[in-house]
Amino acid sequence: MTHSFALHIPDADLEPDPLDPAQIVSGAPEASGRVVWESADGRQIRGIWQITPGVVTDTEADELFVVISGSATIEVEGGPVLTVGPGDMAVLREGDRTTWTVHETLRKAYAINR
């Protein structure tokens, strides 16, 4: 999109975004998402992402996100343990290795810079 817009995040339609089976530590979490804006050079991405309960690992991008619904505990290897729920904002550094324990289906709005 090249124009300004507004989107109601809680009921926005998302597309399946399958997890790499190697990322799943326990449970049967499923992810979905939607990119709502991307810069022409691909260096900035804005979107919505959701994951159902379970435990997964990830290597993070430079990301700021706000939790819309659900909750999770995010353990950053060699760093803090973040507990996030509705209304919480979090910042992850590029390269952070994380373990996400998703307690309730989590939906977030995010901004990634590459």
Protein backbone atom coordinates (compact mmCIF):
# COMPACT_ATOMS: atom_id res chain seq x y z
CA MET A 1 0.00 0.00 0.00
CA THR A 2 1.21 3.46 -0.76
CA HIS A 3 -1.51 5.38 1.10
CA SER A 4 -2.47 5.88 4.73
CA PHE A 5 -4.85 3.32 6.19
CA ALA A 6 -6.43 1.96 9.37
CA LEU A 7 -7.07 -1.69 10.19
CA HIS A 8 -8.98 -3.30 13.07
CA ILE A 9 -6.40 -5.84 14.26
CA PRO A 10 -8.51 -8.14 16.49
CA ASP A 11 -10.62 -9.45 13.62
CA ALA A 12 -8.28 -8.95 10.64
CA ASP A 13 -8.10 -11.99 8.35
CA LEU A 14 -4.75 -13.80 8.50
CA GLU A 15 -3.11 -16.35 6.20
CA PRO A 16 -1.45 -19.58 7.42
CA ASP A 17 2.27 -19.01 8.15
CA PRO A 18 3.56 -22.53 8.85
CA LEU A 19 6.27 -22.89 11.47
CA ASP A 20 9.43 -24.84 10.70
CA PRO A 21 8.93 -28.14 12.59
CA ALA A 22 12.47 -27.72 13.96
CA GLN A 23 11.27 -24.61 15.86
CA ILE A 24 8.55 -26.48 17.79
CA VAL A 25 9.70 -27.51 21.27
CA SER A 26 6.33 -28.71 22.59
CA GLY A 27 2.65 -28.66 21.80
CA ALA A 28 1.22 -28.15 18.32
CA PRO A 29 1.37 -24.38 17.83
CA GLU A 30 0.13 -22.92 14.56
CA ALA A 31 1.06 -19.50 13.23
CA SER A 32 -0.69 -17.16 10.85
CA GLY A 33 -0.04 -13.65 9.69
CA ARG A 34 -0.52 -10.85 7.23
CA VAL A 35 1.87 -8.22 5.94
CA VAL A 36 -0.12 -4.99 5.72
CA TRP A 37 2.69 -2.77 4.38
CA GLU A 38 6.21 -3.23 3.06
CA SER A 39 8.63 -0.56 1.87
CA ALA A 40 9.66 -0.62 -1.79
CA ASP A 41 13.16 -1.79 -0.82
CA GLY A 42 11.82 -4.52 1.50
CA ARG A 43 13.68 -3.14 4.51
CA GLN A 44 10.59 -2.17 6.52
CA ILE A 45 7.65 -4.50 7.12
CA ARG A 46 4.46 -3.87 9.09
CA GLY A 47 2.01 -6.62 9.86
CA ILE A 48 -0.05 -8.82 12.13
CA TRP A 49 1.03 -12.23 13.44
CA GLN A 50 -0.70 -14.83 15.58
CA ILE A 51 0.39 -18.07 17.24
CA THR A 52 -1.60 -20.68 19.17
CA PRO A 53 -0.39 -22.17 22.48
CA GLY A 54 2.85 -24.15 22.59
CA VAL A 55 6.59 -23.61 22.88
CA VAL A 56 8.73 -22.50 19.92
CA THR A 57 12.22 -21.16 19.31
CA ASP A 58 13.14 -18.34 16.96
CA THR A 59 15.97 -16.07 15.86
CA GLU A 60 14.57 -12.57 15.88
CA ALA A 61 14.60 -9.64 13.51
CA ASP A 62 14.89 -6.00 14.67
CA GLU A 63 11.25 -5.78 15.75
CA LEU A 64 8.86 -3.70 17.79
CA PHE A 65 5.49 -5.28 18.52
CA VAL A 66 2.34 -4.64 20.53
CA VAL A 67 0.28 -7.55 21.87
CA ILE A 68 -3.39 -7.25 20.98
CA SER A 69 -4.62 -10.44 22.67
CA GLY A 70 -3.25 -13.53 24.38
CA SER A 71 -0.10 -13.99 26.43
CA ALA A 72 3.39 -15.42 26.25
CA THR A 73 6.69 -15.63 28.07
CA ILE A 74 9.68 -14.90 25.83
CA GLU A 75 13.07 -16.05 27.08
CA VAL A 76 15.95 -14.24 25.37
CA GLU A 77 19.10 -16.38 25.41
CA GLY A 78 21.66 -14.57 27.59
CA GLY A 79 19.14 -11.82 28.28
CA PRO A 80 15.83 -11.03 29.93
CA VAL A 81 12.62 -13.02 30.26
CA LEU A 82 9.74 -10.98 28.87
CA THR A 83 6.17 -11.61 29.97
CA VAL A 84 3.73 -10.06 27.49
CA GLY A 85 -0.04 -9.70 27.27
CA PRO A 86 -2.67 -7.36 25.83
CA GLY A 87 -1.42 -3.78 25.57
CA ASP A 88 2.25 -4.66 26.12
CA MET A 89 4.92 -3.39 23.74
CA ALA A 90 8.17 -5.31 23.29
CA VAL A 91 11.37 -4.70 21.36
CA LEU A 92 13.52 -7.59 20.11
CA ARG A 93 17.02 -7.15 18.73
CA GLU A 94 18.11 -8.66 15.44
CA GLY A 95 19.81 -11.97 16.15
CA ASP A 96 18.22 -12.54 19.57
CA ARG A 97 17.67 -16.26 20.05
CA THR A 98 14.37 -16.71 21.83
CA THR A 99 12.08 -19.35 23.27
CA TRP A 100 8.40 -18.42 23.22
CA THR A 101 6.03 -20.13 25.64
CA VAL A 102 2.59 -19.14 24.36
CA HIS A 103 0.01 -19.48 27.14
CA GLU A 104 -3.05 -18.16 25.24
CA THR A 105 -3.30 -17.60 21.48
CA LEU A 106 -1.25 -14.46 20.96
CA ARG A 107 -1.96 -11.83 18.29
CA LYS A 108 0.44 -8.95 17.78
CA ALA A 109 0.94 -6.00 15.48
CA TYR A 110 4.59 -5.63 14.47
CA ALA A 111 7.09 -3.39 12.74
CA ILE A 112 10.31 -5.00 11.47
CA ASN A 113 13.38 -3.16 10.19
CA ARG A 114 15.91 -5.13 8.14
